[in-house]
Amino acid sequence: MHKHTNEADKDCFKNQVVFISGGGTGIGAAVARQMAEAGAKLVLMGRRTAPLQQMAAALAPADVLLLSGDAANAADVRQAVAQASERFGGIDVLVANAGGHGLGKLTDTDDASWAQATRLNLDTAFVCARELMPELLKRRGNIVILSSLAGHFAGPEVLGYVTMKHALLGLTRSLARDYGPLGVRVNAVCPGWVRTAMADEQMQVLIQKHGLRDTEAAYRLVSRHVPMRRPAEAAEVADAVLFLASGRAAMITGSSLMVDGGASAVDLPTIAFAD
């Protein structure tokens, strides 16, 4: 079982204000739980109200501000920043976690699908970073962007997703270069397979394609050549986010941290020798 925040880390975000986009589910929710354990005040933004309300109930008595809105919409984010600043006095950390699908190869991707992949995966991080930067500059804060293993490598027939996750690494490095001299660090976390509702949906494709028994069998299939032989738990990705957002990473910026169970260490042309 995953070990959550230990005693040494218990108050490492005490009195810090952490803004999490897509904070109601999946990795965002795991980050919210661990940030609350570490003493942070939270601003959770998402498009759906119900998951946010469930998270707030689960996080009690942590100080949480819930904001329903689209992280790719500048007006929504601007309003969220104003509300967060009014309630908490500022923002120290942005976790740009909101994302979504981008399925299909080139000839399957029409303009609307491409625009949606861009909006869900790239625009959300760009808009949040731009609108929060003035607050982060005031408090010499930092940004952690959720990219993916797909930010370094290409999966089959996920053109939009792969392209936007790659673009997030460019965004990370550009922001790190421009704002490092002003005291703001920017890093990315790149998970492989993670047990989330979105990944569970993708496992259904494999279940149908290969006649597998259940979701667990599908996760075993996608992890069979991953050195750790399993997907990550959302809390394990959250551990990486908290590290990069903390003072322990004070000299780390412009980096992308792989949280992939070793998948990126595998030499694909030699897999045949392992079968």
Protein backbone atom coordinates (compact mmCIF):
# COMPACT_ATOMS: atom_id res chain seq x y z
CA MET A 1 0.00 0.00 0.00
CA HIS A 2 1.22 3.49 -0.79
CA LYS A 3 2.63 5.40 2.15
CA HIS A 4 1.24 8.92 2.23
CA THR A 5 2.92 12.05 3.54
CA ASN A 6 5.34 11.18 6.36
CA GLU A 7 5.97 13.19 9.52
CA ALA A 8 8.93 15.04 7.98
CA ASP A 9 6.73 16.28 5.14
CA LYS A 10 3.62 16.89 7.24
CA ASP A 11 3.81 20.68 7.28
CA CYS A 12 6.10 21.34 4.30
CA PHE A 13 3.33 23.25 2.50
CA LYS A 14 1.88 24.89 5.60
CA ASN A 15 0.28 28.26 4.76
CA GLN A 16 1.07 27.79 1.06
CA VAL A 17 -1.74 28.14 -1.45
CA VAL A 18 -1.86 25.49 -4.16
CA PHE A 19 -4.02 25.88 -7.27
CA ILE A 20 -4.86 22.56 -8.98
CA SER A 21 -6.64 22.41 -12.32
CA GLY A 22 -8.62 19.22 -12.84
CA GLY A 23 -8.50 18.89 -9.07
CA GLY A 24 -11.58 16.74 -8.58
CA THR A 25 -10.49 13.41 -10.05
CA GLY A 26 -7.53 11.17 -10.85
CA ILE A 27 -4.03 12.54 -10.35
CA GLY A 28 -5.36 15.99 -9.48
CA ALA A 29 -7.41 14.57 -6.63
CA ALA A 30 -4.42 12.58 -5.36
CA VAL A 31 -2.29 15.74 -5.40
CA ALA A 32 -5.03 17.59 -3.51
CA ARG A 33 -5.17 14.91 -0.81
CA GLN A 34 -1.42 14.92 -0.26
CA MET A 35 -1.15 18.71 -0.36
CA ALA A 36 -3.87 18.91 2.29
CA GLU A 37 -1.94 16.41 4.44
CA ALA A 38 1.13 18.61 4.01
CA GLY A 39 -0.73 21.66 5.33
CA ALA A 40 -1.57 23.50 2.09
CA LYS A 41 -4.58 25.66 1.43
CA LEU A 42 -6.18 24.45 -1.79
CA VAL A 43 -7.84 25.97 -4.81
CA LEU A 44 -9.48 23.21 -6.84
CA MET A 45 -10.74 24.06 -10.31
CA GLY A 46 -12.68 21.74 -12.61
CA ARG A 47 -15.45 21.70 -15.17
CA ARG A 48 -17.69 19.40 -13.11
CA THR A 49 -19.01 20.53 -9.75
CA ALA A 50 -19.87 17.14 -8.23
CA PRO A 51 -16.32 15.71 -8.11
CA LEU A 52 -15.05 18.96 -6.61
CA GLN A 53 -17.66 18.85 -3.88
CA GLN A 54 -16.81 15.23 -3.13
CA MET A 55 -13.13 16.15 -2.85
CA ALA A 56 -13.88 19.04 -0.50
CA ALA A 57 -15.86 16.70 1.77
CA ALA A 58 -13.01 14.16 1.73
CA LEU A 59 -10.41 16.83 2.52
CA ALA A 60 -12.19 18.36 5.50
CA PRO A 61 -11.06 20.13 7.65
CA ALA A 62 -8.51 21.43 5.11
CA ASP A 63 -9.07 24.96 3.82
CA VAL A 64 -10.39 24.44 0.28
CA LEU A 65 -11.81 26.84 -2.29
CA LEU A 66 -13.84 25.14 -5.03
CA LEU A 67 -14.11 26.84 -8.41
CA SER A 68 -16.17 25.43 -11.27
CA GLY A 69 -14.78 26.51 -14.62
CA ASP A 70 -12.82 25.70 -17.76
CA ALA A 71 -9.05 25.84 -17.26
CA ALA A 72 -8.62 26.69 -20.96
CA ASN A 73 -10.92 29.71 -20.68
CA ALA A 74 -9.00 32.84 -19.73
CA ALA A 75 -12.02 34.57 -18.20
CA ASP A 76 -12.78 31.56 -15.99
CA VAL A 77 -9.19 31.29 -14.80
CA ARG A 78 -8.87 35.03 -14.27
CA GLN A 79 -11.96 34.96 -12.07
CA ALA A 80 -10.60 31.96 -10.20
CA VAL A 81 -7.32 33.76 -9.53
CA ALA A 82 -9.17 36.80 -8.23
CA GLN A 83 -11.28 34.67 -5.87
CA ALA A 84 -8.26 32.71 -4.67
CA SER A 85 -6.27 35.89 -4.05
CA GLU A 86 -9.17 37.50 -2.19
CA ARG A 87 -9.63 34.50 0.09
CA PHE A 88 -6.03 33.42 0.65
CA GLY A 89 -3.98 36.50 -0.21
CA GLY A 90 -2.06 34.94 -3.09
CA ILE A 91 -0.98 31.70 -4.79
CA ASP A 92 2.28 29.79 -4.30
CA VAL A 93 1.96 26.73 -6.55
CA LEU A 94 0.14 25.88 -9.77
CA VAL A 95 -0.40 22.22 -10.57
CA ALA A 96 -1.51 22.25 -14.22
CA ASN A 97 -3.19 18.87 -14.23
CA ALA A 98 -6.28 19.28 -16.44
CA GLY A 99 -6.12 17.16 -19.59
CA GLY A 100 -8.02 14.82 -21.86
CA HIS A 101 -8.00 12.59 -24.88
CA GLY A 102 -6.62 13.16 -28.37
CA LEU A 103 -7.38 9.90 -30.12
CA GLY A 104 -6.86 8.85 -33.73
CA LYS A 105 -4.10 8.98 -36.32
CA LEU A 106 -3.58 11.87 -38.74
CA THR A 107 -6.24 10.95 -41.30
CA ASP A 108 -8.78 10.32 -38.53
CA THR A 109 -8.22 13.70 -36.90
CA ASP A 110 -10.48 16.45 -38.20
CA ASP A 111 -10.15 20.10 -37.25
CA ALA A 112 -12.59 19.79 -34.37
CA SER A 113 -10.77 16.80 -32.85
CA TRP A 114 -7.41 18.56 -33.18
CA ALA A 115 -8.79 21.71 -31.58
CA GLN A 116 -10.25 19.70 -28.70
CA ALA A 117 -6.96 17.87 -28.07
CA THR A 118 -5.17 21.22 -28.06
CA ARG A 119 -7.68 22.82 -25.73
CA LEU A 120 -7.86 19.98 -23.22
CA ASN A 121 -4.15 19.22 -22.96
CA LEU A 122 -2.15 22.31 -23.96
CA ASP A 123 -4.40 25.34 -23.64
CA THR A 124 -5.38 24.43 -20.08
CA ALA A 125 -1.76 24.56 -18.91
CA PHE A 126 -0.88 27.62 -21.01
CA VAL A 127 -3.87 29.68 -19.87
CA CYS A 128 -3.48 28.75 -16.20
CA ALA A 129 0.25 29.51 -16.26
CA ARG A 130 -0.30 32.88 -17.95
CA GLU A 131 -3.11 33.98 -15.65
CA LEU A 132 -1.42 32.79 -12.44
CA MET A 133 2.08 34.03 -13.25
CA PRO A 134 1.63 37.51 -11.71
CA GLU A 135 0.65 35.87 -8.41
CA LEU A 136 3.47 33.33 -8.60
CA LEU A 137 5.99 36.09 -9.25
CA LYS A 138 4.88 37.93 -6.12
CA ARG A 139 5.56 34.89 -3.94
CA ARG A 140 8.41 33.31 -5.94
CA GLY A 141 6.24 30.26 -6.46
CA ASN A 142 6.44 27.41 -8.90
CA ILE A 143 4.51 25.41 -11.49
CA VAL A 144 4.25 21.66 -11.99
CA ILE A 145 2.79 20.64 -15.35
CA LEU A 146 1.37 17.16 -15.88
CA SER A 147 2.70 15.89 -19.20
CA SER A 148 3.07 12.17 -19.90
CA LEU A 149 5.31 9.38 -21.12
CA ALA A 150 3.58 10.41 -24.37
CA GLY A 151 5.46 13.70 -24.04
CA HIS A 152 8.63 11.79 -24.94
CA PHE A 153 7.39 8.87 -27.05
CA ALA A 154 4.53 8.15 -29.45
CA GLY A 155 1.78 5.63 -28.80
CA PRO A 156 -0.29 4.29 -31.71
CA GLU A 157 -3.13 6.38 -33.11
CA VAL A 158 -3.14 9.08 -30.44
CA LEU A 159 -1.78 11.92 -32.56
CA GLY A 160 -3.46 14.78 -30.71
CA TYR A 161 -2.55 13.50 -27.26
CA VAL A 162 1.08 12.77 -28.14
CA THR A 163 1.57 16.12 -29.87
CA MET A 164 0.10 18.15 -27.03
CA LYS A 165 1.98 16.25 -24.32
CA HIS A 166 5.21 16.92 -26.24
CA ALA A 167 4.21 20.58 -26.47
CA LEU A 168 3.78 20.74 -22.70
CA LEU A 169 7.49 19.98 -22.33
CA GLY A 170 8.28 22.90 -24.61
CA LEU A 171 6.01 25.07 -22.50
CA THR A 172 7.77 23.86 -19.34
CA ARG A 173 11.23 24.67 -20.66
CA SER A 174 10.24 28.05 -22.08
CA LEU A 175 8.63 29.15 -18.83
CA ALA A 176 11.59 27.86 -16.82
CA ARG A 177 14.01 29.86 -18.95
CA ASP A 178 11.98 33.07 -18.95
CA TYR A 179 10.86 33.12 -15.32
CA GLY A 180 13.73 31.41 -13.49
CA PRO A 181 15.61 34.73 -13.24
CA LEU A 182 12.50 36.13 -11.54
CA GLY A 183 12.32 33.34 -8.99
CA VAL A 184 9.65 31.04 -10.46
CA ARG A 185 10.51 27.39 -11.11
CA VAL A 186 8.63 25.28 -13.70
CA ASN A 187 8.83 21.51 -14.05
CA ALA A 188 6.88 18.67 -15.63
CA VAL A 189 5.88 15.22 -14.42
CA CYS A 190 5.57 12.49 -17.05
CA PRO A 191 3.58 9.47 -15.87
CA GLY A 192 3.20 6.23 -17.77
CA TRP A 193 0.07 4.17 -17.15
CA VAL A 194 -1.71 5.30 -13.98
CA ARG A 195 -4.79 3.72 -12.43
CA THR A 196 -7.38 6.43 -13.05
CA ALA A 197 -10.91 6.51 -14.44
CA MET A 198 -9.54 7.70 -17.79
CA ALA A 199 -7.05 4.84 -17.97
CA ASP A 200 -9.75 2.37 -16.94
CA GLU A 201 -11.74 3.48 -20.01
CA GLN A 202 -8.76 2.75 -22.24
CA MET A 203 -8.36 -0.69 -20.66
CA GLN A 204 -11.86 -1.51 -21.93
CA VAL A 205 -10.52 -1.26 -25.48
CA LEU A 206 -7.92 -3.92 -24.71
CA ILE A 207 -10.45 -6.12 -22.92
CA GLN A 208 -12.60 -6.18 -26.04
CA LYS A 209 -9.70 -6.51 -28.47
CA HIS A 210 -7.97 -9.40 -26.69
CA GLY A 211 -10.90 -11.01 -24.91
CA LEU A 212 -9.42 -10.30 -21.49
CA ARG A 213 -11.18 -11.14 -18.26
CA ASP A 214 -11.13 -7.75 -16.58
CA THR A 215 -9.40 -4.41 -16.10
CA GLU A 216 -6.64 -5.99 -14.01
CA ALA A 217 -5.75 -8.32 -16.89
CA ALA A 218 -5.58 -5.31 -19.21
CA TYR A 219 -3.24 -3.44 -16.86
CA ARG A 220 -1.03 -6.54 -16.67
CA LEU A 221 -0.91 -6.62 -20.47
CA VAL A 222 0.14 -2.99 -20.88
CA SER A 223 2.71 -3.40 -18.09
CA ARG A 224 4.28 -6.69 -19.18
CA HIS A 225 7.43 -5.03 -20.56
CA VAL A 226 7.58 -2.23 -17.98
CA PRO A 227 10.38 -3.01 -15.49
CA MET A 228 8.10 -2.50 -12.47
CA ARG A 229 5.44 -4.71 -14.12
CA ARG A 230 2.51 -2.59 -13.00
CA PRO A 231 0.84 0.78 -13.55
CA ALA A 232 1.40 3.60 -11.09
CA GLU A 233 -1.12 4.59 -8.48
CA ALA A 234 -2.28 8.21 -8.64
CA ALA A 235 -0.76 8.80 -5.19
CA GLU A 236 2.67 7.78 -6.52
CA VAL A 237 2.45 10.43 -9.22
CA ALA A 238 1.32 12.91 -6.59
CA ASP A 239 4.51 12.14 -4.63
CA ALA A 240 6.55 13.37 -7.60
CA VAL A 241 4.42 16.49 -7.94
CA LEU A 242 4.85 17.35 -4.26
CA PHE A 243 8.60 16.86 -4.45
CA LEU A 244 8.98 19.20 -7.43
CA ALA A 245 6.69 21.80 -5.84
CA SER A 246 8.57 21.69 -2.54
CA GLY A 247 11.68 23.45 -1.28
CA ARG A 248 13.56 20.17 -1.64
CA ALA A 249 13.58 20.81 -5.40
CA ALA A 250 14.81 24.38 -5.07
CA MET A 251 17.51 23.95 -7.75
CA ILE A 252 15.34 21.98 -10.18
CA THR A 253 13.61 23.81 -13.02
CA GLY A 254 12.95 23.07 -16.68
CA SER A 255 13.03 19.35 -15.92
CA SER A 256 10.67 16.50 -16.78
CA LEU A 257 10.46 13.75 -14.18
CA MET A 258 9.48 10.31 -15.50
CA VAL A 259 7.08 8.39 -13.25
CA ASP A 260 6.66 5.40 -15.53
CA GLY A 261 7.90 2.33 -13.68
CA GLY A 262 10.96 2.31 -15.91
CA ALA A 263 9.08 2.15 -19.22
CA SER A 264 11.30 4.81 -20.78
CA ALA A 265 14.40 2.77 -19.93
CA VAL A 266 13.34 -0.14 -22.14
CA ASP A 267 15.09 -0.65 -25.49
CA LEU A 268 12.16 -1.54 -27.77
CA PRO A 269 14.18 -3.49 -30.39
CA THR A 270 15.32 -5.94 -27.69
CA ILE A 271 11.84 -6.77 -26.35
CA ALA A 272 11.74 -9.85 -28.58
CA PHE A 273 14.58 -11.35 -26.50
CA ALA A 274 12.45 -11.10 -23.36
CA ASP A 275 9.34 -12.81 -24.80
